[in-house]
Each structure stands twice: as structure tokens, then as C-alpha cells.
């Protein structure tokens, strides 16, 4: 008799209704994730590495950045595509020419980059041509006269279009 009672109890236990799942909270989480991803989406596809110690100026501009050479300038250092080109603590003997308007190490690196892009374009038909765009990532504490020297150097190297990278307002 005990055996038959235990079998009946087992059947009763196994025939319980399945547990219902409330998916409202799950949908809330998915909507929050979707809003976050849309807010942080970068449609230009350009990745910027901002050097340590560089403070970007703020702007309300909404234009999208384009591909080109990245020139990052802090008060102490000039980088071209994350490579240190000039450190003001260890200035070379000849840093400026053309009456102090052109920065020689920056000019040499920019010309080297331009020549590299042109050689790649000659060897591959799918490669993008030289755009002449310089993305300037400048510290907000730099003096205007120094920024003019950087822009003059870029123009002398063949980069005729400038894009200033700034920190957007949220």
C-alpha cells in the first residue's frame, strides 16, 4: 500500500503546472542596453587614442571625423599616428626652419606618411588615394602661435585640409 501511495504522490508532483516567467524586467534591461549602444555608436569608424595629459577643448560641433593622419599635440610632445615625433624636453639642434614657421621633425614625418600612402596606392588599385586630411588633436592650453606653426608645417607637407578633434558636449 505504501508503494501505491508513493507512486500517486510522485505523479502529483510531476503534473504541476510549469512556472511562468515575467519578461517585463528583461525587456526593460534590453531597452536600456539598446539606448546605451545607440548613444555610444561611432558611425565614422575612426578610433582615436588621446595621449595622457592631453586636454581636449569642448565644442557643440556635430560633424563626423574623416580618415587621415592623426597629429596629437600636448604641451610637451608631438605625435603622428601614436608615434612620438618631437619631445620639447629634448629638442634637437635644428627644430625650426623657414624663419621659425616650420617644425622640421613633424614635417619629415608627415612627408614620409604621404609618400607611404602614395606608394601603397601605386601598388594596389583598391587602396585609398592620398586625401590630404590632417586630424589635429590639440591640447586646449596651446598658444595660437604654436598651432599656426603646426598648421603651416602640415600645409608645407601637402596636407591642405584640417579637422580639429574636440570633445563633444553630452
Protein backbone atom coordinates (compact mmCIF):
# COMPACT_ATOMS: atom_id res chain seq x y z
CA UNK A 1 0.00 0.00 0.00
CA UNK A 2 2.80 2.33 0.76
CA UNK A 3 4.23 1.71 -2.65
CA UNK A 4 1.00 2.73 -4.39
CA UNK A 5 0.73 5.88 -2.24
CA UNK A 6 4.27 6.92 -3.10
CA UNK A 7 3.57 6.41 -6.83
CA UNK A 8 0.47 8.61 -6.60
CA UNK A 9 2.40 11.35 -4.82
CA UNK A 10 5.12 11.13 -7.46
CA UNK A 11 2.53 11.59 -10.23
CA UNK A 12 1.03 14.58 -8.44
CA UNK A 13 4.43 16.19 -8.11
CA UNK A 14 5.28 15.67 -11.75
CA UNK A 15 1.99 17.08 -13.03
CA UNK A 16 2.49 20.53 -11.52
CA UNK A 17 1.96 23.46 -13.89
CA UNK A 18 5.12 24.96 -15.38
CA UNK A 19 6.44 28.08 -13.69
CA UNK A 20 5.58 31.31 -15.50
CA UNK A 21 8.34 33.78 -16.27
CA UNK A 22 7.71 37.53 -16.20
CA UNK A 23 9.76 39.07 -19.01
CA UNK A 24 8.92 42.71 -18.29
CA UNK A 25 12.15 43.33 -16.38
CA UNK A 26 14.14 41.53 -19.09
CA UNK A 27 12.65 43.80 -21.75
CA UNK A 28 13.50 46.86 -19.64
CA UNK A 29 17.14 45.78 -19.49
CA UNK A 30 17.25 45.16 -23.25
CA UNK A 31 15.79 48.61 -23.99
CA UNK A 32 18.34 50.27 -21.69
CA UNK A 33 21.18 48.39 -23.42
CA UNK A 34 19.84 49.39 -26.84
CA UNK A 35 19.70 53.08 -25.87
CA UNK A 36 23.24 52.89 -24.45
CA UNK A 37 24.61 51.27 -27.60
CA UNK A 38 22.91 53.77 -29.88
CA UNK A 39 24.24 56.68 -27.78
CA UNK A 40 27.82 55.41 -27.85
CA UNK A 41 27.83 54.31 -31.51
CA UNK A 42 30.63 55.76 -33.64
CA UNK A 43 29.50 55.97 -37.24
CA UNK A 44 32.82 57.27 -38.59
CA UNK A 45 34.71 54.11 -37.71
CA UNK A 46 37.77 56.12 -36.68
CA UNK A 47 39.45 55.21 -33.42
CA UNK A 48 41.26 57.99 -31.59
CA UNK A 49 43.93 57.45 -28.98
CA UNK A 50 44.27 60.56 -26.87
CA UNK A 51 47.71 60.77 -25.22
CA UNK A 52 47.93 61.03 -21.45
CA UNK A 53 47.90 64.64 -20.29
CA UNK A 54 46.08 65.99 -23.35
CA UNK A 55 43.00 68.08 -22.51
CA UNK A 56 40.68 68.47 -25.48
CA UNK A 57 38.68 71.68 -25.94
CA UNK A 58 34.89 71.37 -25.77
CA UNK A 59 32.63 72.07 -28.72
CA UNK A 60 29.00 71.77 -29.76
CA UNK A 61 30.02 70.65 -33.25
CA UNK A 62 28.26 67.58 -34.63
CA UNK A 63 30.33 66.88 -37.77
CA UNK A 64 31.84 63.42 -38.15
CA UNK A 65 35.59 62.93 -38.34
CA UNK A 66 37.19 61.61 -41.54
CA UNK A 67 40.18 59.37 -42.05
CA UNK A 68 43.57 60.99 -42.34
CA UNK A 69 46.82 61.34 -40.47
CA UNK A 70 46.40 61.90 -36.70
CA UNK A 71 48.56 64.68 -35.28
CA UNK A 72 48.36 64.80 -31.49
CA UNK A 73 49.97 67.73 -29.72
CA UNK A 74 50.43 68.08 -25.97
CA UNK A 75 52.39 70.93 -24.36
CA UNK A 76 55.45 68.63 -24.21
CA UNK A 77 55.15 66.24 -27.16
CA UNK A 78 54.03 65.95 -30.80
CA UNK A 79 52.76 62.56 -32.01
CA UNK A 80 51.95 61.46 -35.55
CA UNK A 81 49.73 58.37 -35.57
CA UNK A 82 50.76 57.50 -31.98
CA UNK A 83 54.48 57.80 -32.77
CA UNK A 84 56.49 60.41 -30.85
CA UNK A 85 57.97 62.85 -33.35
CA UNK A 86 59.15 65.69 -31.13
CA UNK A 87 59.67 65.98 -27.38
CA UNK A 88 60.14 69.58 -26.25
CA UNK A 89 62.17 68.46 -23.25
CA UNK A 90 64.83 67.01 -25.60
CA UNK A 91 64.79 69.42 -28.53
CA UNK A 92 67.07 68.54 -31.43
CA UNK A 93 69.58 71.11 -32.54
CA UNK A 94 67.54 72.12 -35.59
CA UNK A 95 63.87 72.13 -34.70
CA UNK A 96 62.53 75.01 -36.78
CA UNK A 97 63.27 76.40 -40.24
CA UNK A 98 61.75 78.99 -42.60
CA UNK A 99 62.14 81.75 -40.02
CA UNK A 100 60.71 79.61 -37.21
CA UNK A 101 57.48 78.76 -39.07
CA UNK A 102 58.02 75.07 -39.87
CA UNK A 103 58.72 72.27 -37.37
CA UNK A 104 61.32 70.05 -39.08
CA UNK A 105 60.71 66.67 -37.31
CA UNK A 106 56.94 66.99 -37.83
CA UNK A 107 57.42 67.96 -41.48
CA UNK A 108 59.73 64.98 -42.13
CA UNK A 109 57.27 62.50 -40.58
CA UNK A 110 54.29 63.96 -42.48
CA UNK A 111 56.16 63.76 -45.80
CA UNK A 112 57.14 60.17 -45.00
CA UNK A 113 53.48 59.30 -44.30
CA UNK A 114 52.33 60.98 -47.52
CA UNK A 115 54.93 59.13 -49.59
CA UNK A 116 53.96 55.83 -47.96
CA UNK A 117 50.27 56.34 -48.87
CA UNK A 118 51.20 57.23 -52.45
CA UNK A 119 53.43 54.13 -52.79
CA UNK A 120 50.66 51.91 -51.46
CA UNK A 121 48.20 53.44 -53.94
CA UNK A 122 50.57 52.71 -56.83
CA UNK A 123 50.97 49.08 -55.82
CA UNK A 124 47.28 48.37 -55.05
CA UNK A 125 44.25 49.51 -57.02
CA UNK A 126 41.89 49.05 -54.01
CA UNK A 127 43.91 51.37 -51.75
CA UNK A 128 42.55 54.82 -51.00
CA UNK A 129 44.38 57.75 -52.59
CA UNK A 130 46.15 60.40 -50.53
CA UNK A 131 43.38 62.56 -49.03
CA UNK A 132 45.48 65.41 -47.66
CA UNK A 133 43.46 65.46 -44.42
CA UNK A 134 45.20 66.17 -41.12
CA UNK A 135 43.23 65.40 -37.96
CA UNK A 136 44.60 67.78 -35.34
CA UNK A 137 44.16 66.65 -31.75
CA UNK A 138 45.44 69.67 -29.83
CA UNK A 139 45.65 70.44 -26.15
CA UNK A 140 43.43 73.36 -25.16
CA UNK A 141 46.31 75.10 -23.38
CA UNK A 142 48.45 75.54 -26.55
CA UNK A 143 49.15 79.04 -27.76
CA UNK A 144 47.75 80.15 -31.09
CA UNK A 145 51.22 80.94 -32.47
CA UNK A 146 52.26 77.30 -31.86
CA UNK A 147 49.07 75.99 -33.53
CA UNK A 148 49.86 78.22 -36.54
CA UNK A 149 53.31 76.59 -36.79
CA UNK A 150 51.74 73.13 -36.72
CA UNK A 151 49.21 74.09 -39.42
CA UNK A 152 51.94 75.70 -41.56
CA UNK A 153 54.04 72.55 -41.26
CA UNK A 154 51.07 70.40 -42.32
CA UNK A 155 50.40 72.64 -45.33
CA UNK A 156 54.07 72.56 -46.34
CA UNK A 157 53.99 68.73 -46.21
CA UNK A 158 50.95 68.59 -48.52
CA UNK A 159 48.09 68.30 -46.03
CA UNK A 160 45.68 71.02 -47.13
CA UNK A 161 42.58 70.04 -45.14
CA UNK A 162 42.41 70.24 -41.34
CA UNK A 163 39.98 68.62 -38.94
CA UNK A 164 40.17 69.73 -35.33
CA UNK A 165 39.18 66.93 -32.95
CA UNK A 166 37.32 68.26 -29.92
CA UNK A 167 35.34 66.89 -27.01
CA UNK A 168 31.62 66.94 -27.77
CA UNK A 169 29.01 68.13 -25.30
CA UNK A 170 26.73 65.47 -23.87
